[in-house]
Amino acid sequence: MPMLAEVIPIFEIFQSDWEDMSEDPGYEDYHDAIRQGLTIAVKYYELLDETDSYVLAMCKRFSGDHLITTDVF
């Protein structure tokens, strides 16, 4: 089962790839759909960025299996 700490970086890669595709002439037929999808993706990424679970997941990802249990909130 994917963990939040693994999913967030994948989401960032997906978003970055779609941003590139939204300006790539090879995907011109799909630009409108890609941009509409990016609007939604950015909205949810911004919400995610404001949550405590994002901070905790990223702390766990960058510190390995050792999560510091100090009260940060």
N, C-alpha and C. Protein backbone atom coordinates (compact mmCIF):
# COMPACT_ATOMS: atom_id res chain seq x y z
N MET A 1 0.85 -1.17 0.00
CA MET A 1 0.00 0.00 0.00
C MET A 1 0.90 1.24 0.00
N PRO A 2 0.64 2.19 -0.91
CA PRO A 2 1.47 3.40 -0.95
C PRO A 2 1.31 4.24 0.31
N MET A 3 2.39 4.84 0.71
CA MET A 3 2.36 5.74 1.85
C MET A 3 2.32 7.17 1.33
N LEU A 4 1.77 8.08 2.12
CA LEU A 4 1.67 9.48 1.73
C LEU A 4 3.04 10.04 1.36
N ALA A 5 4.06 9.65 2.08
CA ALA A 5 5.40 10.15 1.81
C ALA A 5 5.91 9.70 0.45
N GLU A 6 5.35 8.62 -0.10
CA GLU A 6 5.74 8.15 -1.43
C GLU A 6 4.86 8.76 -2.51
N VAL A 7 3.60 9.01 -2.19
CA VAL A 7 2.65 9.50 -3.18
C VAL A 7 2.89 10.97 -3.52
N ILE A 8 3.24 11.78 -2.54
CA ILE A 8 3.40 13.22 -2.78
C ILE A 8 4.49 13.50 -3.82
N PRO A 9 5.67 12.91 -3.72
CA PRO A 9 6.68 13.16 -4.76
C PRO A 9 6.22 12.68 -6.15
N ILE A 10 5.48 11.60 -6.20
CA ILE A 10 4.95 11.11 -7.49
C ILE A 10 3.95 12.12 -8.04
N PHE A 11 3.11 12.68 -7.18
CA PHE A 11 2.15 13.70 -7.59
C PHE A 11 2.90 14.91 -8.16
N GLU A 12 4.00 15.29 -7.52
CA GLU A 12 4.79 16.43 -8.00
C GLU A 12 5.39 16.15 -9.38
N ILE A 13 5.84 14.92 -9.60
CA ILE A 13 6.37 14.54 -10.91
C ILE A 13 5.28 14.60 -11.96
N PHE A 14 4.10 14.04 -11.64
CA PHE A 14 2.96 14.08 -12.56
C PHE A 14 2.62 15.52 -12.92
N GLN A 15 2.56 16.39 -11.93
CA GLN A 15 2.19 17.78 -12.15
C GLN A 15 3.24 18.47 -13.03
N SER A 16 4.49 18.24 -12.77
CA SER A 16 5.57 18.83 -13.56
C SER A 16 5.52 18.34 -15.00
N ASP A 17 5.29 17.05 -15.18
CA ASP A 17 5.19 16.49 -16.53
C ASP A 17 4.04 17.11 -17.30
N TRP A 18 2.89 17.26 -16.64
CA TRP A 18 1.73 17.86 -17.31
C TRP A 18 1.97 19.32 -17.63
N GLU A 19 2.69 20.03 -16.76
CA GLU A 19 3.03 21.43 -17.06
C GLU A 19 3.87 21.50 -18.33
N ASP A 20 4.83 20.59 -18.46
CA ASP A 20 5.64 20.53 -19.69
C ASP A 20 4.77 20.19 -20.90
N MET A 21 3.90 19.21 -20.75
CA MET A 21 3.04 18.79 -21.85
C MET A 21 2.07 19.90 -22.27
N SER A 22 1.67 20.75 -21.33
CA SER A 22 0.71 21.81 -21.65
C SER A 22 1.29 22.86 -22.59
N GLU A 23 2.61 22.84 -22.76
CA GLU A 23 3.26 23.78 -23.67
C GLU A 23 3.98 23.09 -24.82
N ASP A 24 3.95 21.78 -24.84
CA ASP A 24 4.62 21.00 -25.87
C ASP A 24 3.73 20.93 -27.12
N PRO A 25 4.23 21.38 -28.27
CA PRO A 25 3.42 21.34 -29.49
C PRO A 25 2.97 19.92 -29.86
N GLY A 26 3.68 18.92 -29.42
CA GLY A 26 3.30 17.54 -29.71
C GLY A 26 2.00 17.13 -29.02
N TYR A 27 1.59 17.87 -28.02
CA TYR A 27 0.36 17.59 -27.28
C TYR A 27 -0.69 18.67 -27.49
N GLU A 28 -0.53 19.43 -28.57
CA GLU A 28 -1.42 20.58 -28.81
C GLU A 28 -2.90 20.20 -28.80
N ASP A 29 -3.23 19.04 -29.33
CA ASP A 29 -4.64 18.60 -29.33
C ASP A 29 -5.18 18.42 -27.91
N TYR A 30 -4.30 18.25 -26.94
CA TYR A 30 -4.71 17.96 -25.56
C TYR A 30 -4.48 19.12 -24.60
N HIS A 31 -3.95 20.24 -25.10
CA HIS A 31 -3.59 21.36 -24.22
C HIS A 31 -4.75 21.82 -23.33
N ASP A 32 -5.94 21.95 -23.88
CA ASP A 32 -7.08 22.41 -23.06
C ASP A 32 -7.37 21.44 -21.93
N ALA A 33 -7.40 20.16 -22.24
CA ALA A 33 -7.69 19.15 -21.22
C ALA A 33 -6.58 19.10 -20.17
N ILE A 34 -5.35 19.18 -20.62
CA ILE A 34 -4.22 19.15 -19.68
C ILE A 34 -4.28 20.35 -18.74
N ARG A 35 -4.55 21.52 -19.29
CA ARG A 35 -4.62 22.73 -18.46
C ARG A 35 -5.78 22.68 -17.47
N GLN A 36 -6.90 22.13 -17.90
CA GLN A 36 -8.03 21.98 -16.97
C GLN A 36 -7.66 21.01 -15.85
N GLY A 37 -6.99 19.93 -16.21
CA GLY A 37 -6.54 18.98 -15.19
C GLY A 37 -5.53 19.60 -14.25
N LEU A 38 -4.64 20.42 -14.78
CA LEU A 38 -3.64 21.09 -13.93
C LEU A 38 -4.29 22.06 -12.97
N THR A 39 -5.35 22.72 -13.39
CA THR A 39 -6.06 23.64 -12.49
C THR A 39 -6.54 22.89 -11.26
N ILE A 40 -7.09 21.71 -11.47
CA ILE A 40 -7.57 20.89 -10.35
C ILE A 40 -6.39 20.36 -9.53
N ALA A 41 -5.35 19.89 -10.20
CA ALA A 41 -4.18 19.35 -9.50
C ALA A 41 -3.54 20.41 -8.62
N VAL A 42 -3.40 21.62 -9.14
CA VAL A 42 -2.78 22.71 -8.37
C VAL A 42 -3.64 23.04 -7.15
N LYS A 43 -4.95 23.05 -7.34
CA LYS A 43 -5.86 23.34 -6.22
C LYS A 43 -5.65 22.33 -5.09
N TYR A 44 -5.61 21.04 -5.44
CA TYR A 44 -5.46 20.03 -4.40
C TYR A 44 -4.05 20.00 -3.83
N TYR A 45 -3.05 20.31 -4.64
CA TYR A 45 -1.69 20.36 -4.12
C TYR A 45 -1.55 21.49 -3.12
N GLU A 46 -2.16 22.63 -3.40
CA GLU A 46 -2.11 23.75 -2.46
C GLU A 46 -2.81 23.39 -1.15
N LEU A 47 -3.92 22.68 -1.23
CA LEU A 47 -4.61 22.23 -0.01
C LEU A 47 -3.72 21.25 0.76
N LEU A 48 -3.09 20.35 0.04
CA LEU A 48 -2.21 19.36 0.66
C LEU A 48 -1.05 20.05 1.36
N ASP A 49 -0.52 21.06 0.71
CA ASP A 49 0.62 21.79 1.24
C ASP A 49 0.30 22.47 2.56
N GLU A 50 -0.97 22.73 2.81
CA GLU A 50 -1.39 23.42 4.04
C GLU A 50 -1.77 22.47 5.18
N THR A 51 -1.62 21.18 4.98
CA THR A 51 -2.05 20.23 6.00
C THR A 51 -0.87 19.72 6.83
N ASP A 52 -1.16 19.35 8.07
CA ASP A 52 -0.14 18.79 8.95
C ASP A 52 0.36 17.44 8.43
N SER A 53 -0.53 16.67 7.80
CA SER A 53 -0.13 15.34 7.32
C SER A 53 0.94 15.45 6.25
N TYR A 54 0.90 16.50 5.45
CA TYR A 54 1.95 16.71 4.44
C TYR A 54 3.29 16.91 5.12
N VAL A 55 3.33 17.78 6.12
CA VAL A 55 4.57 18.06 6.83
C VAL A 55 5.10 16.79 7.49
N LEU A 56 4.24 16.05 8.15
CA LEU A 56 4.66 14.81 8.81
C LEU A 56 5.16 13.77 7.80
N ALA A 57 4.45 13.65 6.68
CA ALA A 57 4.85 12.68 5.67
C ALA A 57 6.21 13.03 5.09
N MET A 58 6.44 14.29 4.83
CA MET A 58 7.72 14.69 4.26
C MET A 58 8.84 14.57 5.28
N CYS A 59 8.55 14.84 6.55
CA CYS A 59 9.56 14.64 7.59
C CYS A 59 9.96 13.17 7.64
N LYS A 60 8.99 12.29 7.58
CA LYS A 60 9.27 10.86 7.62
C LYS A 60 10.08 10.45 6.39
N ARG A 61 9.71 10.98 5.23
CA ARG A 61 10.41 10.62 4.01
C ARG A 61 11.88 11.04 4.07
N PHE A 62 12.15 12.23 4.54
CA PHE A 62 13.51 12.74 4.52
C PHE A 62 14.34 12.32 5.72
N SER A 63 13.70 11.80 6.75
CA SER A 63 14.47 11.37 7.91
C SER A 63 14.50 9.85 8.03
N GLY A 64 14.03 9.15 7.01
CA GLY A 64 14.02 7.70 7.04
C GLY A 64 12.90 7.18 7.91
N ASP A 65 13.15 6.09 8.59
CA ASP A 65 12.12 5.46 9.41
C ASP A 65 12.02 6.09 10.80
N HIS A 66 12.86 7.04 11.09
CA HIS A 66 12.88 7.64 12.42
C HIS A 66 12.14 8.97 12.39
N LEU A 67 10.96 8.98 12.93
CA LEU A 67 10.16 10.20 12.98
C LEU A 67 10.30 10.82 14.36
N ILE A 68 10.76 12.03 14.39
CA ILE A 68 10.92 12.73 15.67
C ILE A 68 9.54 13.00 16.23
N THR A 69 9.33 12.70 17.48
CA THR A 69 8.00 12.80 18.07
C THR A 69 7.82 14.03 18.93
N THR A 70 8.55 15.09 18.64
CA THR A 70 8.34 16.31 19.39
C THR A 70 7.05 16.97 18.94
N ASP A 71 6.46 17.74 19.82
CA ASP A 71 5.19 18.41 19.51
C ASP A 71 5.48 19.64 18.67
N VAL A 72 5.22 19.56 17.35
CA VAL A 72 5.53 20.67 16.46
C VAL A 72 4.30 21.49 16.10
N PHE A 73 3.13 21.08 16.56
CA PHE A 73 1.91 21.78 16.17
C PHE A 73 1.24 22.41 17.36
